[in-house]
Amino acid sequence: MSKVLGIDLGTTNSCMAILEGDTPTIIPNAEGDRTTPSVVAFSDGERLVGKVALNQHVMNAGNTIYSVKRFIGRTCDELDSCDTADLTYRIETSEKDRPIIVTESREEYLPEAISAMVLAKLKCDAEAFTGEILTKAVITVPAYFNDTQRQATRDAGSIAGLDVLRIINEPTAAALAFGYNGGDAEDTTILVYDFGGGTLDVSILEISNGLVQVVSTAGNNYLGGDDIDALLTQHLCNRFFADTGIDLAADDLSYARVRSAARSAKEDLSSTQKVIVNLPFVAASAQGPVHMNYEVTRHEFEEVIADIIEDCKTPIIEALEGPQDNPACLSTDDIDHVLLVGGSTRIPAIQQMIETLFGKEPERTLNPDEVVAMGAAVQGGVLEGDLEDIVLSDVCSMTLSIKAYPNICAVMIPKNSPIPTSSQQIFTTRDDNQDNVEIVIIQGEDPEANSPRNKVIGTAVLEGIPAMPGGVPRIQVTMTYDADGIIQVSAQETASGSSIQVRIEGTSRLDTNEVQALAAQEQQHEADRQRGC
């Protein structure tokens, strides 16, 4: 039986693992590293992926693509200035309102295509390491990714030549790895705090005798280590402007150098009390070259990111409270272990915030950069039948509703409902002799259906309703959500028997032909690479 590649496709770094026997094992990349920067660059007609792309970012800022996970499966209308403020490449809008990545050399790429390039490198490196052809994968996503973002991630896997068996939530994968590595000796409740480069997820799970059951989840898809980098970068630029009157943000090369230095300073401040940010010749004035040489203390850094630290508490509170109609809220005392996941949890201020809230030190037995990929490999083993003593029970991470008149969300499946699940409701018509109704399926937490915080993930029209006064017809709507994340909605008018059914496996913005065309391009690139072209 072929191995399943477990992939943590991260905003900043990605990681991969497989089962060796019954042990989840991290696979190093071609460079010998256990994680791979999720960075793609284009230089002199050559594609660079991973560390080699990251290392040349400063000198090739406009052609180096990073943090693309923040754009996958989203429309330009869903983006705001915060999403693009810290980029050294351009984002433009396509005719279909998709974000298009535009390089300095005017090449255009979809986010799915860039993510596929990262996945293709992981696949290639894993095959070189194992000596086997790997075609199956489990890929993780933030728990708060919506239906479209999940399908876009699945499309990226298909473009890279992978059969994506399952899209699994990152905190759930981490809990699988924790439980599999001996964390489930007794009944235990864990809180997974997953703070990565682009997203923050909090999930509470119960583990007992091989059963991993998600209790609740909360998060913020627009808060991560990238935002911390951006704040520290802006802080350094502001200091420099105050001292010299020179705006480093106005020059792409200078800004890229400061951003790179800020990221390094952030990482160093996790283990030391102060760092020196030294950038010779970072700018020029009428008097000649100007250099940056600033000491940044951990205290100063923590003041700069104080608002982010405060925002990092909110998903914990929401996860503990659980569903709004659930009176049995959890307290911090109910949590046996707090598991830290993601590189941003290495920041001491984050760890201190967690320790203060829970009155205990967080769990440190598993590497926060690797635990998600290990859990994905465990899930792959479960799906292939290699591991039989593990059962995963997940939850619906976002509320699913039907739009009702005039602009109301009629909740069908509340957030944090255990899946698989199903529910029914009776609806009716508004107007006399109305012979059809539109069924609009909405994902999101806002009670107003048309809120920009909600997303329409599917529509269908039920026709053939007999002539009756408004409010008389009985239209029974059934919604099911299975373990594979497939949503099905059926509607039937009881008097006539007229019915419709819609199956939603992810309302991807790429159609089948587009995915196939991009996959063919990726296959051609791999063939050229193997020939040394």
Protein backbone atom coordinates (compact mmCIF):
# COMPACT_ATOMS: atom_id res chain seq x y z
CA MET A 1 0.00 0.00 0.00
CA SER A 2 1.42 3.38 -1.01
CA LYS A 3 2.36 5.88 1.65
CA VAL A 4 0.24 8.98 2.28
CA LEU A 5 2.12 12.25 2.51
CA GLY A 6 0.98 14.41 5.43
CA ILE A 7 1.47 18.08 4.55
CA ASP A 8 1.23 21.17 6.72
CA LEU A 9 0.94 23.84 4.01
CA GLY A 10 1.83 26.91 6.04
CA THR A 11 1.75 30.63 5.39
CA THR A 12 5.43 31.05 6.26
CA ASN A 13 6.81 27.50 6.32
CA SER A 14 5.54 24.10 5.25
CA CYS A 15 6.34 20.68 6.65
CA MET A 16 5.76 17.07 5.53
CA ALA A 17 5.64 13.65 7.18
CA ILE A 18 4.85 10.02 6.42
CA LEU A 19 4.24 6.92 8.50
CA GLU A 20 7.31 4.75 8.83
CA GLY A 21 5.76 1.53 10.06
CA ASP A 22 3.34 3.00 12.56
CA THR A 23 5.47 6.04 13.49
CA PRO A 24 4.86 9.51 12.00
CA THR A 25 8.21 10.72 10.68
CA ILE A 26 9.20 14.16 9.43
CA ILE A 27 10.72 14.15 5.94
CA PRO A 28 13.59 16.62 5.39
CA ASN A 29 13.61 18.56 2.15
CA ALA A 30 16.36 18.47 -0.48
CA GLU A 31 18.33 21.04 1.52
CA GLY A 32 18.24 18.83 4.62
CA ASP A 33 15.83 21.09 6.53
CA ARG A 34 12.74 19.78 8.33
CA THR A 35 10.62 22.74 7.24
CA THR A 36 10.44 24.51 3.89
CA PRO A 37 9.73 28.25 3.42
CA SER A 38 6.44 28.69 1.55
CA VAL A 39 8.14 31.04 -0.86
CA VAL A 40 8.36 31.01 -4.67
CA ALA A 41 10.58 33.29 -6.74
CA PHE A 42 11.19 33.82 -10.43
CA SER A 43 14.68 34.79 -11.54
CA ASP A 44 16.01 34.90 -15.11
CA GLY A 45 13.32 32.50 -16.31
CA GLU A 46 13.98 30.04 -13.49
CA ARG A 47 11.55 29.04 -10.76
CA LEU A 48 12.92 28.90 -7.22
CA VAL A 49 11.02 27.37 -4.30
CA GLY A 50 11.77 27.21 -0.59
CA LYS A 51 14.96 28.40 1.09
CA VAL A 52 16.69 29.37 -2.16
CA ALA A 53 13.71 31.62 -2.99
CA LEU A 54 13.67 33.17 0.46
CA ASN A 55 17.43 33.82 0.44
CA GLN A 56 17.27 35.97 -2.69
CA HIS A 57 14.15 37.90 -1.66
CA VAL A 58 15.98 41.11 -0.76
CA MET A 59 17.63 41.42 -4.17
CA ASN A 60 14.58 40.21 -6.11
CA ALA A 61 11.72 41.56 -4.01
CA GLY A 62 9.21 42.17 -6.81
CA ASN A 63 9.52 38.62 -8.14
CA THR A 64 9.44 36.78 -4.80
CA ILE A 65 6.03 35.49 -3.68
CA TYR A 66 5.29 34.74 -0.01
CA SER A 67 2.27 34.58 2.35
CA VAL A 68 0.11 33.42 -0.56
CA LYS A 69 -1.99 31.27 1.77
CA ARG A 70 -3.75 34.48 2.82
CA PHE A 71 -5.18 34.86 -0.69
CA ILE A 72 -6.11 31.30 -1.61
CA GLY A 73 -9.83 30.81 -2.16
CA ARG A 74 -10.68 34.47 -1.55
CA THR A 75 -11.99 37.19 -3.83
CA CYS A 76 -10.42 40.63 -4.09
CA ASP A 77 -13.61 42.01 -2.59
CA GLU A 78 -12.84 40.00 0.56
CA LEU A 79 -9.36 41.48 0.92
CA ASP A 80 -8.50 44.69 2.70
CA SER A 81 -5.44 46.92 2.86
CA CYS A 82 -3.99 44.91 5.76
CA ASP A 83 -3.75 41.84 3.53
CA THR A 84 -1.53 43.57 0.98
CA ALA A 85 0.24 46.30 2.95
CA ASP A 86 3.39 44.30 3.67
CA LEU A 87 3.91 42.78 0.22
CA THR A 88 6.82 43.48 -2.11
CA TYR A 89 4.90 42.05 -5.07
CA ARG A 90 1.62 43.25 -6.56
CA ILE A 91 -1.92 41.94 -6.23
CA GLU A 92 -4.33 42.82 -9.03
CA THR A 93 -7.96 41.91 -9.69
CA SER A 94 -9.00 39.51 -12.43
CA GLU A 95 -12.28 39.67 -14.36
CA LYS A 96 -13.70 37.06 -11.96
CA ASP A 97 -12.67 39.13 -8.92
CA ARG A 98 -9.83 36.72 -8.14
CA PRO A 99 -6.59 38.05 -6.67
CA ILE A 100 -3.88 37.74 -9.32
CA ILE A 101 -0.24 37.80 -8.23
CA VAL A 102 1.76 40.02 -10.58
CA THR A 103 5.53 39.92 -10.53
CA GLU A 104 7.90 42.73 -11.40
CA SER A 105 8.40 41.07 -14.78
CA ARG A 106 4.60 41.18 -15.33
CA GLU A 107 4.03 37.45 -15.00
CA GLU A 108 0.63 36.58 -13.53
CA TYR A 109 -0.17 33.70 -11.19
CA LEU A 110 -3.19 32.51 -9.24
CA PRO A 111 -2.68 31.80 -5.52
CA GLU A 112 -3.58 28.16 -6.16
CA ALA A 113 -0.78 27.90 -8.73
CA ILE A 114 1.82 29.35 -6.34
CA SER A 115 0.70 27.01 -3.55
CA ALA A 116 0.90 24.12 -6.02
CA MET A 117 4.54 25.02 -6.71
CA VAL A 118 5.32 24.70 -2.99
CA LEU A 119 3.42 21.40 -2.82
CA ALA A 120 5.21 20.12 -5.93
CA LYS A 121 8.58 20.74 -4.27
CA LEU A 122 7.47 18.94 -1.13
CA LYS A 123 6.24 16.00 -3.22
CA CYS A 124 9.47 15.88 -5.24
CA ASP A 125 11.69 16.06 -2.15
CA ALA A 126 9.63 13.42 -0.34
CA GLU A 127 9.90 11.06 -3.30
CA ALA A 128 13.66 11.56 -3.43
CA PHE A 129 13.91 10.84 0.30
CA THR A 130 11.68 7.74 0.33
CA GLY A 131 12.59 6.38 -3.09
CA GLU A 132 8.87 5.92 -3.79
CA ILE A 133 6.32 7.66 -6.01
CA LEU A 134 3.93 9.50 -3.67
CA THR A 135 0.54 10.44 -5.10
CA LYS A 136 -1.73 10.52 -2.04
CA ALA A 137 -1.81 13.31 0.54
CA VAL A 138 -3.61 14.71 3.54
CA ILE A 139 -3.26 18.50 3.62
CA THR A 140 -4.01 20.65 6.65
CA VAL A 141 -5.75 24.03 6.72
CA PRO A 142 -6.68 26.50 9.47
CA ALA A 143 -9.83 25.42 11.29
CA TYR A 144 -11.48 28.68 10.29
CA PHE A 145 -10.88 28.26 6.55
CA ASN A 146 -14.23 28.46 4.78
CA ASP A 147 -15.54 26.06 2.18
CA THR A 148 -14.00 27.91 -0.77
CA GLN A 149 -10.57 28.17 0.84
CA ARG A 150 -10.59 24.44 1.56
CA GLN A 151 -11.50 23.58 -2.02
CA ALA A 152 -8.84 25.98 -3.33
CA THR A 153 -6.28 24.14 -1.20
CA ARG A 154 -7.51 20.83 -2.61
CA ASP A 155 -7.16 22.29 -6.13
CA ALA A 156 -3.57 23.31 -5.37
CA GLY A 157 -2.87 19.71 -4.40
CA SER A 158 -4.42 18.44 -7.63
CA ILE A 159 -2.34 20.87 -9.69
CA ALA A 160 0.78 19.55 -7.93
CA GLY A 161 -0.11 15.98 -8.91
CA LEU A 162 -1.50 14.88 -5.56
CA ASP A 163 -4.69 12.95 -4.82
CA VAL A 164 -5.86 14.82 -1.73
CA LEU A 165 -7.61 12.22 0.41
CA ARG A 166 -8.69 14.64 3.12
CA ILE A 167 -8.46 18.28 4.12
CA ILE A 168 -8.02 18.31 7.90
CA ASN A 169 -7.95 21.18 10.38
CA GLU A 170 -4.48 22.07 11.65
CA PRO A 171 -5.37 21.99 15.39
CA THR A 172 -7.10 18.64 14.90
CA ALA A 173 -3.99 17.26 13.21
CA ALA A 174 -1.86 18.49 16.10
CA ALA A 175 -4.15 16.76 18.58
CA LEU A 176 -3.94 13.53 16.57
CA ALA A 177 -0.15 13.66 16.79
CA PHE A 178 -0.27 14.47 20.51
CA GLY A 179 -2.67 11.62 21.26
CA TYR A 180 -0.76 9.19 19.09
CA ASN A 181 2.49 10.03 20.87
CA GLY A 182 1.17 8.96 24.27
CA GLY A 183 -0.99 11.95 25.20
CA ASP A 184 -4.09 9.77 25.47
CA ALA A 185 -3.04 7.34 28.21
CA GLU A 186 -6.03 8.57 30.19
CA ASP A 187 -9.08 10.65 29.35
CA THR A 188 -7.76 14.12 28.74
CA THR A 189 -8.95 17.48 27.45
CA ILE A 190 -6.48 19.55 25.49
CA LEU A 191 -6.54 23.01 24.03
CA VAL A 192 -4.53 23.40 20.84
CA TYR A 193 -3.23 26.93 20.35
CA ASP A 194 -2.11 27.16 16.71
CA PHE A 195 -0.47 30.50 15.94
CA GLY A 196 1.33 30.39 12.61
CA GLY A 197 2.51 32.82 10.01
CA GLY A 198 -0.89 33.89 8.75
CA THR A 199 -3.62 32.46 10.97
CA LEU A 200 -4.58 31.81 14.59
CA ASP A 201 -6.70 28.79 15.52
CA VAL A 202 -7.81 27.49 18.90
CA SER A 203 -9.45 24.09 19.25
CA ILE A 204 -10.50 22.11 22.31
CA LEU A 205 -10.40 18.34 21.96
CA GLU A 206 -11.09 15.35 24.16
CA ILE A 207 -8.86 12.30 23.78
CA SER A 208 -9.83 8.92 25.20
CA ASN A 209 -8.66 5.42 24.21
CA GLY A 210 -7.85 6.36 20.63
CA LEU A 211 -10.94 8.56 20.14
CA VAL A 212 -10.04 12.16 19.29
CA GLN A 213 -13.14 14.31 19.51
CA VAL A 214 -13.22 18.02 18.70
CA VAL A 215 -15.36 19.91 21.20
CA SER A 216 -15.13 23.46 19.86
CA THR A 217 -13.01 25.67 17.67
CA ALA A 218 -12.45 29.39 17.19
CA GLY A 219 -9.90 31.52 15.44
CA ASN A 220 -8.81 34.43 13.31
CA ASN A 221 -7.84 33.80 9.68
CA TYR A 222 -6.20 37.22 9.43
CA LEU A 223 -3.81 37.23 12.36
CA GLY A 224 -0.39 35.63 12.33
CA GLY A 225 3.36 36.02 12.49
CA ASP A 226 3.30 38.00 9.24
CA ASP A 227 1.38 40.72 11.09
CA ILE A 228 4.03 40.76 13.80
CA ASP A 229 6.74 41.08 11.15
CA ALA A 230 4.82 43.96 9.58
CA LEU A 231 4.47 45.82 12.89
CA LEU A 232 8.16 45.49 13.74
CA THR A 233 9.12 46.48 10.19
CA GLN A 234 6.95 49.59 10.42
CA HIS A 235 8.39 50.39 13.85
CA LEU A 236 11.95 50.28 12.47
CA CYS A 237 10.96 52.34 9.44
CA ASN A 238 9.29 54.92 11.69
CA ARG A 239 12.42 55.20 13.86
CA PHE A 240 14.55 55.62 10.76
CA PHE A 241 12.22 58.28 9.34
CA ALA A 242 12.25 60.18 12.63
CA ASP A 243 16.06 60.14 12.62
CA THR A 244 16.73 60.79 8.92
CA GLY A 245 13.54 61.96 7.22
CA ILE A 246 13.89 59.05 4.75
CA ASP A 247 10.87 56.83 4.10
CA LEU A 248 12.24 53.31 3.61
CA ALA A 249 8.80 52.01 2.66
CA ALA A 250 9.00 54.02 -0.56
CA ASP A 251 11.83 51.85 -1.87
CA ASP A 252 11.07 48.15 -2.46
CA LEU A 253 14.67 47.01 -1.98
CA SER A 254 15.16 48.95 1.25
CA TYR A 255 11.80 47.83 2.61
CA ALA A 256 12.57 44.18 1.79
CA ARG A 257 15.86 44.46 3.70
CA VAL A 258 14.13 45.93 6.74
CA ARG A 259 11.38 43.29 6.60
CA SER A 260 13.96 40.50 6.47
CA ALA A 261 15.87 42.04 9.38
CA ALA A 262 12.64 42.44 11.38
CA ARG A 263 11.75 38.79 10.89
CA SER A 264 15.23 37.73 12.07
CA ALA A 265 15.04 40.08 15.05
CA LYS A 266 11.65 38.64 16.04
CA GLU A 267 13.06 35.12 15.97
CA ASP A 268 16.20 36.08 17.90
CA LEU A 269 14.18 37.87 20.58
CA SER A 270 12.57 34.54 21.47
CA SER A 271 15.86 33.47 23.03
CA THR A 272 17.64 36.71 23.89
CA GLN A 273 16.76 40.00 25.59
CA LYS A 274 18.03 42.32 22.87
CA VAL A 275 19.24 42.33 19.28
CA ILE A 276 21.05 44.75 17.00
CA VAL A 277 19.44 45.53 13.65
CA ASN A 278 22.37 46.56 11.49
CA LEU A 279 21.69 47.42 7.83
CA PRO A 280 24.59 49.22 6.15
CA PHE A 281 23.76 51.40 3.14
CA VAL A 282 20.03 50.91 3.61
CA ALA A 283 19.33 54.30 2.00
CA ALA A 284 21.00 57.32 0.44
CA SER A 285 20.72 61.02 1.16
CA ALA A 286 22.24 64.13 -0.38
CA GLN A 287 25.13 63.68 2.03
CA GLY A 288 25.76 60.05 0.99
CA PRO A 289 24.89 56.55 2.22
CA VAL A 290 22.74 56.16 5.34
CA HIS A 291 22.91 53.14 7.61
CA MET A 292 20.49 51.60 10.12
CA ASN A 293 21.92 50.48 13.44
CA TYR A 294 19.29 50.06 16.16
CA GLU A 295 19.16 48.07 19.35
CA VAL A 296 15.76 46.43 19.87
CA THR A 297 15.01 44.97 23.28
CA ARG A 298 12.47 42.26 24.01
CA HIS A 299 10.53 44.78 26.11
CA GLU A 300 10.40 47.22 23.18
CA PHE A 301 9.30 44.43 20.85
CA GLU A 302 6.53 43.38 23.22
CA GLU A 303 5.28 46.96 23.42
CA VAL A 304 5.15 47.12 19.62
CA ILE A 305 3.01 43.96 19.41
CA ALA A 306 0.94 44.53 22.57
CA ASP A 307 -2.34 44.87 20.64
CA ILE A 308 -1.71 41.60 18.82
CA ILE A 309 -1.02 39.80 22.10
CA GLU A 310 -4.34 41.09 23.39
CA ASP A 311 -6.13 39.93 20.21
CA CYS A 312 -4.57 36.50 20.68
CA LYS A 313 -6.68 35.93 23.80
CA THR A 314 -10.06 36.28 22.08
CA PRO A 315 -10.20 32.88 20.30
CA ILE A 316 -9.33 31.14 23.58
CA ILE A 317 -12.34 32.68 25.28
CA GLU A 318 -14.59 31.87 22.29
CA ALA A 319 -13.42 28.24 22.19
CA LEU A 320 -14.04 27.81 25.94
CA GLU A 321 -17.51 29.26 25.62
CA GLY A 322 -18.33 26.90 22.75
CA PRO A 323 -21.62 27.20 20.82
CA GLN A 324 -23.86 30.09 21.84
CA ASP A 325 -26.66 27.71 22.80
CA ASN A 326 -24.36 25.50 24.86
CA PRO A 327 -24.83 26.19 28.59
CA ALA A 328 -21.99 23.83 29.54
CA CYS A 329 -19.11 26.20 28.92
CA LEU A 330 -15.61 25.09 29.80
CA SER A 331 -13.27 26.90 32.14
CA THR A 332 -9.50 27.04 32.02
CA ASP A 333 -9.49 24.53 34.90
CA ASP A 334 -11.13 21.95 32.61
CA ILE A 335 -8.11 21.97 30.27
CA ASP A 336 -5.52 19.31 31.11
CA HIS A 337 -2.94 20.30 28.50
CA VAL A 338 -2.31 23.34 26.31
CA LEU A 339 -0.51 22.32 23.12
CA LEU A 340 1.40 25.05 21.29
CA VAL A 341 1.51 24.81 17.50
CA GLY A 342 3.06 27.12 14.91
CA GLY A 343 6.25 29.16 14.88
CA SER A 344 4.64 32.25 16.39
CA THR A 345 4.05 30.40 19.67
CA ARG A 346 7.81 30.59 20.25
CA ILE A 347 7.38 34.26 21.16
CA PRO A 348 7.82 34.49 24.98
CA ALA A 349 4.97 36.99 25.35
CA ILE A 350 2.57 34.49 23.75
CA GLN A 351 3.77 31.73 26.05
CA GLN A 352 3.47 33.99 29.08
CA MET A 353 -0.07 34.99 28.09
CA ILE A 354 -1.04 31.31 27.82
CA GLU A 355 0.59 30.43 31.13
CA THR A 356 -1.13 33.35 32.90
CA LEU A 357 -4.57 32.42 31.53
CA PHE A 358 -4.35 28.71 32.37
CA GLY A 359 -2.11 28.78 35.43
CA LYS A 360 0.10 26.08 33.94
CA GLU A 361 2.96 25.85 31.50
CA PRO A 362 2.01 24.82 27.97
CA GLU A 363 2.91 21.38 26.64
CA ARG A 364 6.37 21.25 25.06
CA THR A 365 6.79 17.58 24.14
CA LEU A 366 6.26 18.08 20.38
CA ASN A 367 7.94 20.51 18.01
CA PRO A 368 5.39 23.26 17.20
CA ASP A 369 6.69 23.50 13.62
CA GLU A 370 6.29 19.76 12.97
CA VAL A 371 3.35 18.48 14.99
CA VAL A 372 0.68 19.38 12.38
CA ALA A 373 2.43 17.48 9.56
CA MET A 374 2.86 14.50 11.89
CA GLY A 375 -0.87 14.54 12.64
CA ALA A 376 -1.66 14.73 8.92
CA ALA A 377 0.48 11.61 8.40
CA VAL A 378 -1.42 9.85 11.19
CA GLN A 379 -4.72 10.77 9.52
CA GLY A 380 -3.39 9.41 6.25
CA GLY A 381 -2.60 6.13 7.99
CA VAL A 382 -6.12 6.00 9.40
CA LEU A 383 -7.69 6.62 5.97
CA GLU A 384 -5.55 3.92 4.35
CA GLY A 385 -6.30 1.40 7.10
CA ASP A 386 -2.73 1.28 8.38
CA LEU A 387 -3.82 2.54 11.81
CA GLU A 388 -7.00 1.00 13.17
CA ASP A 389 -7.15 2.11 16.80
CA ILE A 390 -7.73 5.81 16.15
CA VAL A 391 -11.10 7.45 15.54
CA LEU A 392 -11.41 11.16 14.74
CA SER A 393 -14.60 13.10 15.38
CA ASP A 394 -14.45 16.67 14.11
CA VAL A 395 -16.84 19.63 14.22
CA CYS A 396 -18.32 22.09 11.77
CA SER A 397 -16.02 25.09 12.23
CA MET A 398 -18.44 27.69 10.81
CA THR A 399 -22.22 28.03 10.99
CA LEU A 400 -24.22 26.87 7.94
CA SER A 401 -27.51 28.63 7.23
CA ILE A 402 -30.24 29.16 4.64
CA LYS A 403 -31.11 32.73 3.65
CA ALA A 404 -34.63 33.64 4.77
CA TYR A 405 -36.73 36.75 4.03
CA PRO A 406 -35.83 39.55 4.17
CA ASN A 407 -32.13 39.14 5.01
CA ILE A 408 -31.93 36.62 7.82
CA CYS A 409 -29.76 33.57 8.33
CA ALA A 410 -31.90 30.59 9.31
CA VAL A 411 -29.29 28.46 11.04
CA MET A 412 -29.24 24.83 9.92
CA ILE A 413 -25.97 23.55 11.39
CA PRO A 414 -24.48 25.70 14.18
CA LYS A 415 -20.77 26.22 14.52
CA ASN A 416 -19.05 23.47 16.55
CA SER A 417 -21.72 20.87 15.77
CA PRO A 418 -20.13 17.40 15.70
CA ILE A 419 -19.88 16.00 12.19
CA PRO A 420 -21.27 14.10 10.39
CA THR A 421 -24.59 15.78 11.10
CA SER A 422 -27.94 16.59 9.50
CA SER A 423 -30.85 18.94 10.17
CA GLN A 424 -34.24 19.88 8.71
CA GLN A 425 -36.38 23.01 8.70
CA ILE A 426 -39.67 24.02 7.09
CA PHE A 427 -39.77 27.17 4.97
CA THR A 428 -42.53 28.75 2.90
CA THR A 429 -43.19 31.32 0.17
CA ARG A 430 -43.66 35.05 0.61
CA ASP A 431 -45.88 35.95 -2.36
CA ASP A 432 -49.21 34.58 -3.59
CA ASN A 433 -48.88 32.01 -6.41
CA GLN A 434 -45.12 32.00 -6.13
CA ASP A 435 -44.01 29.03 -8.25
CA ASN A 436 -40.30 28.89 -7.27
CA VAL A 437 -37.93 29.71 -4.43
CA GLU A 438 -34.19 30.23 -4.41
CA ILE A 439 -32.27 28.23 -1.80
CA VAL A 440 -29.17 30.22 -0.79
CA ILE A 441 -26.64 28.39 1.41
CA ILE A 442 -24.52 30.63 3.64
CA GLN A 443 -21.42 29.99 5.73
CA GLY A 444 -20.59 32.43 8.54
CA GLU A 445 -21.58 33.76 11.93
CA ASP A 446 -23.38 37.02 11.13
CA PRO A 447 -27.19 36.76 11.51
CA GLU A 448 -27.59 39.14 8.53
CA ALA A 449 -27.41 37.00 5.41
CA ASN A 450 -25.83 39.64 3.18
CA SER A 451 -23.12 40.54 5.67
CA PRO A 452 -19.62 40.68 4.13
CA ARG A 453 -18.53 38.43 7.02
CA ASN A 454 -20.66 35.63 5.56
CA LYS A 455 -20.07 33.72 2.35
CA VAL A 456 -22.56 32.26 -0.10
CA ILE A 457 -21.30 28.75 -0.83
CA GLY A 458 -24.13 27.50 -3.03
CA THR A 459 -27.52 28.30 -4.55
CA ALA A 460 -30.34 26.27 -6.11
CA VAL A 461 -33.86 27.02 -7.36
CA LEU A 462 -36.84 24.85 -6.40
CA GLU A 463 -39.46 25.11 -9.16
CA GLY A 464 -42.91 23.68 -9.75
CA ILE A 465 -44.58 24.98 -6.59
CA PRO A 466 -48.41 24.83 -7.08
CA ALA A 467 -50.35 28.11 -7.03
CA MET A 468 -51.13 28.84 -3.39
CA PRO A 469 -51.36 31.93 -1.16
CA GLY A 470 -48.08 33.17 0.24
CA GLY A 471 -47.11 31.40 3.44
CA VAL A 472 -49.08 28.23 2.67
CA PRO A 473 -46.58 25.97 0.85
CA ARG A 474 -44.43 23.78 3.09
CA ILE A 475 -40.89 23.51 1.79
CA GLN A 476 -38.79 21.04 3.72
CA VAL A 477 -35.05 21.79 3.54
CA THR A 478 -32.54 19.17 4.69
CA MET A 479 -28.84 19.87 5.13
CA THR A 480 -26.17 17.25 5.79
CA TYR A 481 -22.46 17.69 6.44
CA ASP A 482 -20.30 14.56 6.27
CA ALA A 483 -16.84 13.73 7.60
CA ASP A 484 -15.21 14.60 4.26
CA GLY A 485 -16.52 18.16 4.44
CA ILE A 486 -19.15 17.55 1.75
CA ILE A 487 -22.34 19.54 2.26
CA GLN A 488 -25.59 18.38 0.69
CA VAL A 489 -28.80 20.36 0.68
CA SER A 490 -32.15 19.06 -0.53
CA ALA A 491 -35.50 20.86 -0.68
CA GLN A 492 -38.98 19.46 -1.30
CA GLU A 493 -42.38 21.12 -1.54
CA THR A 494 -44.63 18.65 0.29
CA ALA A 495 -47.85 19.19 -1.70
CA SER A 496 -46.43 18.72 -5.20
CA GLY A 497 -43.43 16.56 -4.38
CA SER A 498 -41.24 18.91 -6.41
CA SER A 499 -37.64 18.62 -5.15
CA ILE A 500 -34.04 19.64 -5.77
CA GLN A 501 -30.69 18.56 -4.39
CA VAL A 502 -27.35 20.34 -4.44
CA ARG A 503 -24.02 18.80 -3.45
CA ILE A 504 -21.34 21.22 -2.28
CA GLU A 505 -17.84 19.79 -2.10
CA GLY A 506 -16.28 23.23 -2.16
CA THR A 507 -17.30 26.15 -4.32
CA SER A 508 -13.87 26.55 -5.88
CA ARG A 509 -13.34 29.59 -8.05
CA LEU A 510 -11.31 27.43 -10.45
CA ASP A 511 -13.34 25.25 -12.77
CA THR A 512 -12.23 21.77 -13.81
CA ASN A 513 -10.67 22.97 -17.05
CA GLU A 514 -8.58 25.57 -15.22
CA VAL A 515 -7.32 23.02 -12.71
CA GLN A 516 -6.43 20.61 -15.49
CA ALA A 517 -4.63 23.31 -17.48
CA LEU A 518 -2.57 24.37 -14.47
CA ALA A 519 -1.82 20.72 -13.67
CA ALA A 520 -0.58 20.20 -17.24
CA GLN A 521 1.71 23.22 -16.86
CA GLU A 522 3.09 21.79 -13.62
CA GLN A 523 3.69 18.41 -15.25
CA GLN A 524 5.54 20.10 -18.11
CA HIS A 525 7.70 22.05 -15.66
CA GLU A 526 8.60 18.83 -13.83
CA ALA A 527 9.44 17.11 -17.12
CA ASP A 528 11.66 20.04 -18.12
CA ARG A 529 13.34 19.99 -14.71
CA GLN A 530 14.15 16.31 -15.00
CA ARG A 531 15.64 16.88 -18.46
CA GLY A 532 17.73 19.72 -17.03
CA CYS A 533 16.00 22.38 -19.14
